[in-house]
């Protein structure tokens, strides 16, 4: 089974073409929160079945539809989904969350940076963000799950750019429009 893990998509409707291309052919979409709107969920559901949890930026309507955590079995693998398992790149929080949820694979979001590691006998994945990365490329995680085994990788998608660098570069040039923050 080919699954695509997403987090922090921050979408308000239709999927960008590059993201739709990365998801195309998936048997399952696992979304670890901050999808944002019900319209975004509907767009993903047009691509493949979606299992998702709510994130801190999701609309009230979406939060009513989605739980904070999910635990499911996919092809013999116990999978946990949660939005916030860590505040930083430290692996302690996600490892503890995976233990607490008693899962083989934990997929989480919130940090907008990709992580893919085996820790304490568990696979811990943050797919990053395919729309709003933090000092990293636009990414998703691509997984092959079968017979109790998981193989996968972080998959760069879209243009390799980071909004932070655009804002910082514009501010360095004195472009006050580069950041739409308060005056």
N, C-alpha and C. Protein backbone atom coordinates (compact mmCIF):
# COMPACT_ATOMS: atom_id res chain seq x y z
N UNK A 1 0.83 -1.17 0.00
CA UNK A 1 0.00 0.00 0.00
C UNK A 1 0.88 1.25 0.00
N UNK A 2 0.62 2.16 -0.91
CA UNK A 2 1.35 3.43 -0.95
C UNK A 2 0.54 4.47 -0.18
N UNK A 3 1.17 5.01 0.85
CA UNK A 3 0.55 6.08 1.63
C UNK A 3 1.40 7.34 1.50
N UNK A 4 0.73 8.46 1.53
CA UNK A 4 1.42 9.74 1.55
C UNK A 4 1.06 10.42 2.87
N UNK A 5 2.09 10.79 3.63
CA UNK A 5 1.88 11.48 4.89
C UNK A 5 2.10 12.98 4.68
N UNK A 6 1.17 13.75 5.19
CA UNK A 6 1.19 15.20 5.07
C UNK A 6 1.01 15.83 6.44
N UNK A 7 1.45 17.05 6.57
CA UNK A 7 1.15 17.87 7.74
C UNK A 7 1.34 19.32 7.35
N UNK A 8 0.72 20.19 8.08
CA UNK A 8 0.93 21.62 7.90
C UNK A 8 0.76 22.07 6.45
N UNK A 9 -0.32 21.61 5.83
CA UNK A 9 -0.59 22.02 4.46
C UNK A 9 -1.19 23.42 4.39
N UNK A 10 -1.88 23.85 5.42
CA UNK A 10 -2.45 25.19 5.50
C UNK A 10 -3.16 25.58 4.20
N UNK A 11 -4.07 24.70 3.79
CA UNK A 11 -4.80 24.92 2.54
C UNK A 11 -6.19 25.49 2.82
N UNK A 12 -6.69 26.27 1.86
CA UNK A 12 -8.03 26.84 2.00
C UNK A 12 -8.97 26.31 0.92
N UNK A 13 -8.55 25.34 0.17
CA UNK A 13 -9.40 24.81 -0.90
C UNK A 13 -8.64 23.81 -1.73
N UNK A 14 -8.53 24.10 -3.02
CA UNK A 14 -7.91 23.17 -3.95
C UNK A 14 -6.42 23.00 -3.67
N UNK A 15 -5.93 21.84 -4.05
CA UNK A 15 -4.51 21.52 -3.88
C UNK A 15 -3.68 22.19 -4.96
N UNK A 16 -2.50 22.68 -4.62
CA UNK A 16 -1.59 23.14 -5.68
C UNK A 16 -1.25 21.95 -6.60
N UNK A 17 -1.02 22.22 -7.87
CA UNK A 17 -0.74 21.15 -8.83
C UNK A 17 0.42 20.25 -8.40
N UNK A 18 1.50 20.84 -7.88
CA UNK A 18 2.66 20.03 -7.49
C UNK A 18 2.31 19.09 -6.33
N UNK A 19 1.44 19.50 -5.44
CA UNK A 19 1.04 18.64 -4.33
C UNK A 19 0.11 17.53 -4.82
N UNK A 20 -0.81 17.87 -5.70
CA UNK A 20 -1.69 16.86 -6.29
C UNK A 20 -0.86 15.80 -7.03
N UNK A 21 0.19 16.22 -7.72
CA UNK A 21 1.06 15.27 -8.43
C UNK A 21 1.77 14.34 -7.45
N UNK A 22 2.19 14.86 -6.31
CA UNK A 22 2.88 14.02 -5.32
C UNK A 22 1.95 13.01 -4.68
N UNK A 23 0.68 13.37 -4.55
CA UNK A 23 -0.31 12.48 -3.93
C UNK A 23 -0.88 11.48 -4.93
N UNK A 24 -0.88 11.82 -6.21
CA UNK A 24 -1.49 10.97 -7.25
C UNK A 24 -1.04 9.53 -7.11
N UNK A 25 -2.00 8.63 -7.15
CA UNK A 25 -1.70 7.21 -7.07
C UNK A 25 -1.60 6.67 -5.65
N UNK A 26 -1.78 7.52 -4.64
CA UNK A 26 -1.72 7.05 -3.26
C UNK A 26 -2.95 6.21 -2.94
N UNK A 27 -2.75 5.19 -2.14
CA UNK A 27 -3.87 4.38 -1.65
C UNK A 27 -4.48 4.99 -0.40
N UNK A 28 -3.68 5.82 0.30
CA UNK A 28 -4.12 6.39 1.57
C UNK A 28 -3.35 7.69 1.82
N UNK A 29 -4.05 8.69 2.36
CA UNK A 29 -3.42 9.94 2.78
C UNK A 29 -3.53 10.00 4.30
N UNK A 30 -2.40 10.19 4.96
CA UNK A 30 -2.34 10.34 6.41
C UNK A 30 -1.96 11.79 6.69
N UNK A 31 -2.87 12.57 7.29
CA UNK A 31 -2.63 14.01 7.49
C UNK A 31 -2.53 14.31 8.98
N UNK A 32 -1.40 14.87 9.38
CA UNK A 32 -1.11 15.15 10.79
C UNK A 32 -1.42 16.59 11.19
N UNK A 33 -2.50 17.13 10.70
CA UNK A 33 -3.01 18.40 11.19
C UNK A 33 -2.54 19.65 10.49
N UNK A 34 -3.30 20.72 10.74
CA UNK A 34 -3.16 22.02 10.10
C UNK A 34 -3.44 21.93 8.60
N UNK A 35 -4.57 21.28 8.32
CA UNK A 35 -5.10 21.25 6.96
C UNK A 35 -5.81 22.58 6.71
N UNK A 36 -6.46 23.12 7.73
CA UNK A 36 -7.10 24.43 7.87
C UNK A 36 -8.60 24.44 7.58
N UNK A 37 -9.06 23.97 6.42
CA UNK A 37 -10.49 24.11 6.10
C UNK A 37 -11.12 22.78 5.67
N UNK A 38 -12.43 22.75 5.76
CA UNK A 38 -13.18 21.58 5.29
C UNK A 38 -13.05 21.43 3.78
N UNK A 39 -12.91 22.53 3.07
CA UNK A 39 -12.72 22.48 1.61
C UNK A 39 -11.40 21.79 1.27
N UNK A 40 -10.38 22.02 2.06
CA UNK A 40 -9.09 21.35 1.84
C UNK A 40 -9.24 19.85 2.06
N UNK A 41 -9.98 19.46 3.10
CA UNK A 41 -10.23 18.04 3.35
C UNK A 41 -10.96 17.42 2.16
N UNK A 42 -11.96 18.11 1.63
CA UNK A 42 -12.70 17.59 0.47
C UNK A 42 -11.78 17.43 -0.74
N UNK A 43 -10.86 18.38 -0.94
CA UNK A 43 -9.91 18.27 -2.07
C UNK A 43 -9.01 17.05 -1.91
N UNK A 44 -8.55 16.80 -0.69
CA UNK A 44 -7.71 15.61 -0.45
C UNK A 44 -8.51 14.33 -0.65
N UNK A 45 -9.76 14.33 -0.19
CA UNK A 45 -10.60 13.13 -0.31
C UNK A 45 -10.90 12.77 -1.76
N UNK A 46 -10.78 13.73 -2.66
CA UNK A 46 -10.94 13.44 -4.09
C UNK A 46 -9.76 12.64 -4.63
N UNK A 47 -8.62 12.71 -3.94
CA UNK A 47 -7.40 12.03 -4.38
C UNK A 47 -7.32 10.59 -3.87
N UNK A 48 -7.68 10.37 -2.59
CA UNK A 48 -7.56 9.05 -1.95
C UNK A 48 -8.26 9.12 -0.59
N UNK A 49 -8.52 7.97 0.03
CA UNK A 49 -9.07 8.01 1.39
C UNK A 49 -8.12 8.77 2.32
N UNK A 50 -8.71 9.56 3.23
CA UNK A 50 -7.93 10.40 4.14
C UNK A 50 -8.19 10.00 5.58
N UNK A 51 -7.12 9.83 6.34
CA UNK A 51 -7.20 9.68 7.79
C UNK A 51 -6.43 10.88 8.33
N UNK A 52 -7.09 11.69 9.17
CA UNK A 52 -6.49 12.95 9.60
C UNK A 52 -6.80 13.26 11.05
N UNK A 53 -5.99 14.15 11.61
CA UNK A 53 -6.22 14.70 12.93
C UNK A 53 -6.23 16.22 12.81
N UNK A 54 -6.77 16.86 13.83
CA UNK A 54 -6.82 18.32 13.81
C UNK A 54 -5.49 18.93 14.23
N UNK A 55 -5.27 20.15 13.74
CA UNK A 55 -4.09 20.91 14.13
C UNK A 55 -4.51 22.20 14.80
N UNK A 56 -3.55 22.93 15.30
CA UNK A 56 -3.84 24.15 16.04
C UNK A 56 -4.36 25.29 15.16
N UNK A 57 -4.15 25.22 13.85
CA UNK A 57 -4.62 26.28 12.94
C UNK A 57 -5.89 25.91 12.18
N UNK A 58 -6.46 24.76 12.47
CA UNK A 58 -7.65 24.33 11.73
C UNK A 58 -8.88 25.13 12.12
N UNK A 59 -9.80 25.26 11.16
CA UNK A 59 -11.04 26.01 11.40
C UNK A 59 -11.88 25.27 12.44
N UNK A 60 -12.77 25.98 13.12
CA UNK A 60 -13.65 25.32 14.09
C UNK A 60 -14.45 24.17 13.47
N UNK A 61 -14.92 24.36 12.23
CA UNK A 61 -15.68 23.30 11.57
C UNK A 61 -14.86 22.05 11.34
N UNK A 62 -13.62 22.22 10.93
CA UNK A 62 -12.74 21.07 10.71
C UNK A 62 -12.40 20.39 12.04
N UNK A 63 -12.18 21.19 13.07
CA UNK A 63 -11.87 20.62 14.39
C UNK A 63 -13.02 19.77 14.92
N UNK A 64 -14.26 20.14 14.57
CA UNK A 64 -15.40 19.32 14.99
C UNK A 64 -15.41 17.96 14.28
N UNK A 65 -14.84 17.91 13.09
CA UNK A 65 -14.82 16.67 12.31
C UNK A 65 -13.66 15.73 12.68
N UNK A 66 -12.56 16.30 13.17
CA UNK A 66 -11.34 15.52 13.34
C UNK A 66 -10.94 15.40 14.81
N UNK A 67 -10.43 14.22 15.21
CA UNK A 67 -9.95 14.06 16.58
C UNK A 67 -8.56 14.68 16.75
N UNK A 68 -8.11 14.82 17.99
CA UNK A 68 -6.76 15.34 18.26
C UNK A 68 -5.70 14.28 17.97
N UNK A 69 -6.06 13.02 18.18
CA UNK A 69 -5.14 11.89 17.94
C UNK A 69 -5.89 10.77 17.25
N UNK A 70 -5.14 9.99 16.51
CA UNK A 70 -5.71 8.78 15.90
C UNK A 70 -4.70 7.67 15.98
N UNK A 71 -5.21 6.48 16.18
CA UNK A 71 -4.40 5.27 16.15
C UNK A 71 -5.12 4.30 15.22
N UNK A 72 -4.42 3.76 14.24
CA UNK A 72 -5.02 2.83 13.30
C UNK A 72 -4.01 1.78 12.90
N UNK A 73 -4.48 0.73 12.30
CA UNK A 73 -3.58 -0.29 11.78
C UNK A 73 -3.66 -0.27 10.26
N UNK A 74 -2.49 -0.23 9.63
CA UNK A 74 -2.39 -0.22 8.18
C UNK A 74 -1.46 -1.36 7.78
N UNK A 75 -2.01 -2.38 7.14
CA UNK A 75 -1.21 -3.51 6.64
C UNK A 75 -0.28 -4.08 7.71
N UNK A 76 -0.82 -4.25 8.91
CA UNK A 76 -0.05 -4.86 9.99
C UNK A 76 0.86 -3.92 10.75
N UNK A 77 0.79 -2.62 10.48
CA UNK A 77 1.61 -1.61 11.17
C UNK A 77 0.68 -0.73 12.01
N UNK A 78 1.01 -0.59 13.29
CA UNK A 78 0.25 0.30 14.18
C UNK A 78 0.75 1.72 13.95
N UNK A 79 -0.17 2.58 13.48
CA UNK A 79 0.17 3.95 13.09
C UNK A 79 -0.52 4.93 14.03
N UNK A 80 0.25 5.91 14.51
CA UNK A 80 -0.31 6.99 15.31
C UNK A 80 -0.21 8.30 14.55
N UNK A 81 -1.26 9.10 14.64
CA UNK A 81 -1.28 10.43 14.03
C UNK A 81 -1.58 11.44 15.12
N UNK A 82 -0.80 12.49 15.17
CA UNK A 82 -1.01 13.58 16.11
C UNK A 82 -0.39 14.82 15.49
N UNK A 83 -0.93 15.98 15.82
CA UNK A 83 -0.33 17.18 15.23
C UNK A 83 0.93 17.59 15.98
N UNK A 84 0.82 17.78 17.27
CA UNK A 84 1.95 18.33 18.01
C UNK A 84 2.54 17.29 18.94
N UNK A 85 3.71 16.78 18.58
CA UNK A 85 4.43 15.82 19.42
C UNK A 85 5.73 16.42 19.92
N UNK A 86 6.11 17.57 19.36
CA UNK A 86 7.38 18.19 19.72
C UNK A 86 7.30 19.68 19.47
N UNK A 87 8.06 20.44 20.24
CA UNK A 87 8.17 21.87 20.02
C UNK A 87 9.43 22.21 19.23
N UNK A 88 10.33 21.24 19.12
CA UNK A 88 11.60 21.50 18.46
C UNK A 88 12.01 20.26 17.67
N UNK A 89 13.25 20.24 17.22
CA UNK A 89 13.77 19.09 16.48
C UNK A 89 14.18 17.95 17.41
N UNK A 90 14.05 18.12 18.70
CA UNK A 90 14.38 17.09 19.68
C UNK A 90 13.47 15.87 19.46
N UNK A 91 14.02 14.67 19.51
CA UNK A 91 13.21 13.47 19.28
C UNK A 91 12.57 12.90 20.54
N UNK A 92 12.84 13.48 21.71
CA UNK A 92 12.29 12.93 22.95
C UNK A 92 10.76 12.96 22.95
N UNK A 93 10.16 14.09 22.62
CA UNK A 93 8.69 14.20 22.61
C UNK A 93 8.03 13.20 21.68
N UNK A 94 8.44 13.12 20.41
CA UNK A 94 7.81 12.15 19.52
C UNK A 94 8.01 10.69 19.95
N UNK A 95 9.18 10.36 20.47
CA UNK A 95 9.41 8.99 20.94
C UNK A 95 8.48 8.67 22.10
N UNK A 96 8.34 9.61 23.03
CA UNK A 96 7.45 9.39 24.17
C UNK A 96 5.99 9.29 23.71
N UNK A 97 5.61 10.10 22.74
CA UNK A 97 4.25 10.04 22.20
C UNK A 97 4.00 8.70 21.52
N UNK A 98 4.97 8.20 20.76
CA UNK A 98 4.83 6.90 20.11
C UNK A 98 4.68 5.79 21.15
N UNK A 99 5.44 5.86 22.23
CA UNK A 99 5.30 4.87 23.31
C UNK A 99 3.93 4.96 23.95
N UNK A 100 3.51 6.18 24.27
CA UNK A 100 2.21 6.39 24.91
C UNK A 100 1.08 5.84 24.04
N UNK A 101 1.17 6.07 22.73
CA UNK A 101 0.12 5.60 21.82
C UNK A 101 0.29 4.14 21.44
N UNK A 102 1.43 3.54 21.82
CA UNK A 102 1.76 2.15 21.51
C UNK A 102 1.67 1.88 20.00
N UNK A 103 2.48 2.65 19.25
CA UNK A 103 2.48 2.53 17.79
C UNK A 103 3.88 2.22 17.28
N UNK A 104 3.92 1.60 16.11
CA UNK A 104 5.18 1.30 15.42
C UNK A 104 5.67 2.51 14.63
N UNK A 105 4.71 3.31 14.17
CA UNK A 105 4.98 4.46 13.31
C UNK A 105 4.19 5.64 13.85
N UNK A 106 4.88 6.74 14.16
CA UNK A 106 4.22 7.97 14.58
C UNK A 106 4.44 9.03 13.50
N UNK A 107 3.34 9.62 13.05
CA UNK A 107 3.39 10.71 12.09
C UNK A 107 2.86 11.95 12.80
N UNK A 108 3.66 13.01 12.79
CA UNK A 108 3.25 14.23 13.47
C UNK A 108 3.63 15.44 12.62
N UNK A 109 3.16 16.62 13.04
CA UNK A 109 3.43 17.84 12.31
C UNK A 109 3.87 18.95 13.25
N UNK A 110 3.40 20.14 12.98
CA UNK A 110 3.58 21.35 13.78
C UNK A 110 4.92 22.05 13.58
N UNK A 111 6.00 21.32 13.37
CA UNK A 111 7.31 21.97 13.28
C UNK A 111 7.67 22.40 11.85
N UNK A 112 6.89 21.99 10.85
CA UNK A 112 7.07 22.41 9.45
C UNK A 112 8.44 22.04 8.88
N UNK A 113 9.12 21.09 9.49
CA UNK A 113 10.43 20.63 9.00
C UNK A 113 10.41 19.11 8.96
N UNK A 114 10.93 18.51 7.91
CA UNK A 114 10.88 17.05 7.80
C UNK A 114 11.83 16.34 8.76
N UNK A 115 11.36 15.23 9.28
CA UNK A 115 12.17 14.31 10.10
C UNK A 115 11.75 12.90 9.73
N UNK A 116 12.70 12.02 9.67
CA UNK A 116 12.43 10.62 9.33
C UNK A 116 13.49 9.82 10.06
N UNK A 117 13.13 9.18 11.15
CA UNK A 117 14.14 8.46 11.92
C UNK A 117 13.56 7.26 12.64
N UNK A 118 14.43 6.28 12.85
CA UNK A 118 14.12 5.16 13.71
C UNK A 118 14.63 5.52 15.09
N UNK A 119 13.75 5.46 16.08
CA UNK A 119 14.14 5.82 17.44
C UNK A 119 13.46 4.85 18.40
N UNK A 120 14.25 4.21 19.22
CA UNK A 120 13.72 3.29 20.23
C UNK A 120 12.81 2.23 19.60
N UNK A 121 13.19 1.76 18.41
CA UNK A 121 12.43 0.70 17.75
C UNK A 121 11.16 1.16 17.08
N UNK A 122 10.98 2.45 16.95
CA UNK A 122 9.78 3.01 16.32
C UNK A 122 10.20 3.97 15.21
N UNK A 123 9.39 4.04 14.17
CA UNK A 123 9.65 4.97 13.09
C UNK A 123 8.91 6.27 13.41
N UNK A 124 9.64 7.37 13.44
CA UNK A 124 9.10 8.68 13.78
C UNK A 124 9.23 9.58 12.55
N UNK A 125 8.09 10.09 12.07
CA UNK A 125 8.10 10.89 10.84
C UNK A 125 7.35 12.20 11.04
N UNK A 126 8.00 13.28 10.69
CA UNK A 126 7.33 14.56 10.48
C UNK A 126 7.52 14.84 8.99
N UNK A 127 6.44 14.85 8.22
CA UNK A 127 6.59 15.04 6.78
C UNK A 127 7.00 16.44 6.35
N UNK A 128 7.12 17.37 7.30
CA UNK A 128 7.42 18.75 6.93
C UNK A 128 6.16 19.44 6.46
N UNK A 129 6.31 20.44 5.63
CA UNK A 129 5.16 21.15 5.07
C UNK A 129 5.33 21.30 3.57
N UNK A 130 4.29 20.96 2.79
CA UNK A 130 4.38 21.13 1.34
C UNK A 130 4.00 22.54 0.88
N UNK A 131 3.69 23.44 1.84
CA UNK A 131 3.28 24.79 1.46
C UNK A 131 3.98 25.89 2.25
N UNK A 132 4.29 25.64 3.52
CA UNK A 132 4.89 26.66 4.39
C UNK A 132 6.05 26.08 5.19
N UNK A 133 7.13 25.71 4.52
CA UNK A 133 8.24 25.09 5.25
C UNK A 133 8.97 26.11 6.13
N UNK A 134 9.66 25.58 7.11
CA UNK A 134 10.50 26.43 7.96
C UNK A 134 11.95 26.02 7.76
N UNK A 135 12.67 26.84 7.01
CA UNK A 135 14.08 26.59 6.74
C UNK A 135 14.33 25.20 6.17
N UNK A 136 13.46 24.77 5.28
CA UNK A 136 13.59 23.47 4.62
C UNK A 136 12.83 23.52 3.30
N UNK A 137 12.95 22.47 2.54
CA UNK A 137 12.23 22.36 1.27
C UNK A 137 10.75 22.06 1.51
N UNK A 138 9.95 22.23 0.48
CA UNK A 138 8.55 21.78 0.50
C UNK A 138 8.59 20.25 0.45
N UNK A 139 7.95 19.57 1.42
CA UNK A 139 8.07 18.11 1.49
C UNK A 139 6.78 17.43 1.93
N UNK A 140 6.69 16.14 1.58
CA UNK A 140 5.72 15.18 2.10
C UNK A 140 6.52 13.91 2.41
N UNK A 141 5.89 12.95 3.05
CA UNK A 141 6.53 11.65 3.24
C UNK A 141 5.80 10.62 2.40
N UNK A 142 6.56 9.82 1.69
CA UNK A 142 6.00 8.76 0.86
C UNK A 142 6.33 7.43 1.54
N UNK A 143 5.30 6.61 1.78
CA UNK A 143 5.47 5.37 2.53
C UNK A 143 4.94 4.18 1.75
N UNK A 144 5.64 3.07 1.84
CA UNK A 144 5.15 1.79 1.34
C UNK A 144 4.95 0.93 2.59
N UNK A 145 3.71 0.55 2.85
CA UNK A 145 3.38 -0.21 4.05
C UNK A 145 2.77 -1.54 3.62
N UNK A 146 3.41 -2.62 4.06
CA UNK A 146 2.85 -3.94 3.75
C UNK A 146 3.46 -5.00 4.66
N UNK A 147 2.66 -5.99 4.99
CA UNK A 147 3.09 -7.13 5.79
C UNK A 147 3.83 -6.72 7.06
N UNK A 148 3.32 -5.69 7.75
CA UNK A 148 3.92 -5.27 9.01
C UNK A 148 5.22 -4.50 8.88
N UNK A 149 5.55 -4.06 7.67
CA UNK A 149 6.80 -3.32 7.44
C UNK A 149 6.51 -1.98 6.79
N UNK A 150 7.36 -1.01 7.08
CA UNK A 150 7.24 0.33 6.49
C UNK A 150 8.57 0.70 5.85
N UNK A 151 8.51 1.11 4.62
CA UNK A 151 9.66 1.71 3.94
C UNK A 151 9.20 3.06 3.44
N UNK A 152 10.08 4.02 3.45
CA UNK A 152 9.65 5.32 2.99
C UNK A 152 10.77 6.32 2.89
N UNK A 153 10.36 7.54 2.56
CA UNK A 153 11.33 8.62 2.39
C UNK A 153 10.61 9.95 2.46
N UNK A 154 11.38 10.96 2.74
CA UNK A 154 10.88 12.33 2.63
C UNK A 154 11.01 12.71 1.16
N UNK A 155 9.93 13.21 0.60
CA UNK A 155 9.87 13.52 -0.82
C UNK A 155 9.75 15.03 -1.03
N UNK A 156 10.77 15.67 -1.60
CA UNK A 156 10.64 17.09 -1.93
C UNK A 156 9.59 17.28 -3.02
N UNK A 157 8.78 18.32 -2.88
CA UNK A 157 7.73 18.62 -3.86
C UNK A 157 7.79 20.11 -4.19
N UNK A 158 7.29 20.48 -5.32
CA UNK A 158 7.22 21.90 -5.66
C UNK A 158 8.59 22.54 -5.83
N UNK A 159 8.57 23.85 -5.90
CA UNK A 159 9.79 24.63 -6.07
C UNK A 159 10.60 24.62 -4.77
N UNK A 160 11.90 24.41 -4.85
CA UNK A 160 12.73 24.34 -3.63
C UNK A 160 13.01 25.72 -3.06
N UNK A 161 12.01 26.31 -2.42
CA UNK A 161 12.18 27.64 -1.85
C UNK A 161 11.55 27.70 -0.47
N UNK A 162 11.97 28.63 0.30
CA UNK A 162 11.48 28.79 1.66
C UNK A 162 10.98 30.22 1.83
N UNK A 163 9.72 30.36 2.25
CA UNK A 163 9.15 31.70 2.42
C UNK A 163 9.95 32.55 3.40
N UNK A 164 10.54 31.94 4.41
CA UNK A 164 11.33 32.71 5.36
C UNK A 164 12.48 33.42 4.65
N UNK A 165 13.13 32.71 3.74
CA UNK A 165 14.24 33.32 3.02
C UNK A 165 13.77 34.45 2.12
N UNK A 166 12.58 34.33 1.53
CA UNK A 166 12.03 35.40 0.70
C UNK A 166 11.78 36.64 1.56
N UNK A 167 11.16 36.44 2.71
CA UNK A 167 10.86 37.57 3.60
C UNK A 167 12.14 38.21 4.08
N UNK A 168 13.08 37.40 4.57
CA UNK A 168 14.34 37.92 5.08
C UNK A 168 15.10 38.68 3.99
N UNK A 169 15.12 38.15 2.78
CA UNK A 169 15.80 38.81 1.67
C UNK A 169 15.15 40.13 1.32
N UNK A 170 13.82 40.16 1.31
CA UNK A 170 13.12 41.40 1.02
C UNK A 170 13.34 42.45 2.09
N UNK A 171 13.35 42.05 3.34
CA UNK A 171 13.59 43.00 4.42
C UNK A 171 15.01 43.54 4.36
N UNK A 172 15.96 42.68 4.01
CA UNK A 172 17.35 43.13 3.90
C UNK A 172 17.50 44.19 2.82
N UNK A 173 16.67 44.12 1.78
CA UNK A 173 16.72 45.11 0.70
C UNK A 173 15.88 46.35 1.02
N UNK A 174 15.26 46.35 2.20
CA UNK A 174 14.45 47.49 2.59
C UNK A 174 13.03 47.46 2.05
N UNK A 175 12.58 46.30 1.55
CA UNK A 175 11.23 46.14 1.01
C UNK A 175 10.26 45.88 2.16
N UNK A 176 9.57 46.91 2.63
CA UNK A 176 8.64 46.74 3.76
C UNK A 176 7.43 45.93 3.35
N UNK A 177 7.18 45.76 2.08
CA UNK A 177 6.05 44.94 1.61
C UNK A 177 6.36 43.47 1.67
N UNK A 178 7.62 43.09 1.89
CA UNK A 178 8.01 41.68 1.91
C UNK A 178 7.34 40.95 3.07
N UNK A 179 7.01 41.68 4.11
CA UNK A 179 6.36 41.07 5.28
C UNK A 179 5.11 41.87 5.59
N UNK A 180 3.93 41.25 5.48
CA UNK A 180 2.68 41.99 5.66
C UNK A 180 2.33 42.21 7.14
N UNK A 181 3.31 42.23 8.03
CA UNK A 181 3.05 42.42 9.45
C UNK A 181 2.64 43.84 9.79
N UNK A 182 2.38 44.09 11.06
CA UNK A 182 1.93 45.42 11.49
C UNK A 182 3.02 46.46 11.30
N UNK A 183 2.60 47.69 11.10
CA UNK A 183 3.53 48.81 10.94
C UNK A 183 4.06 49.23 12.27
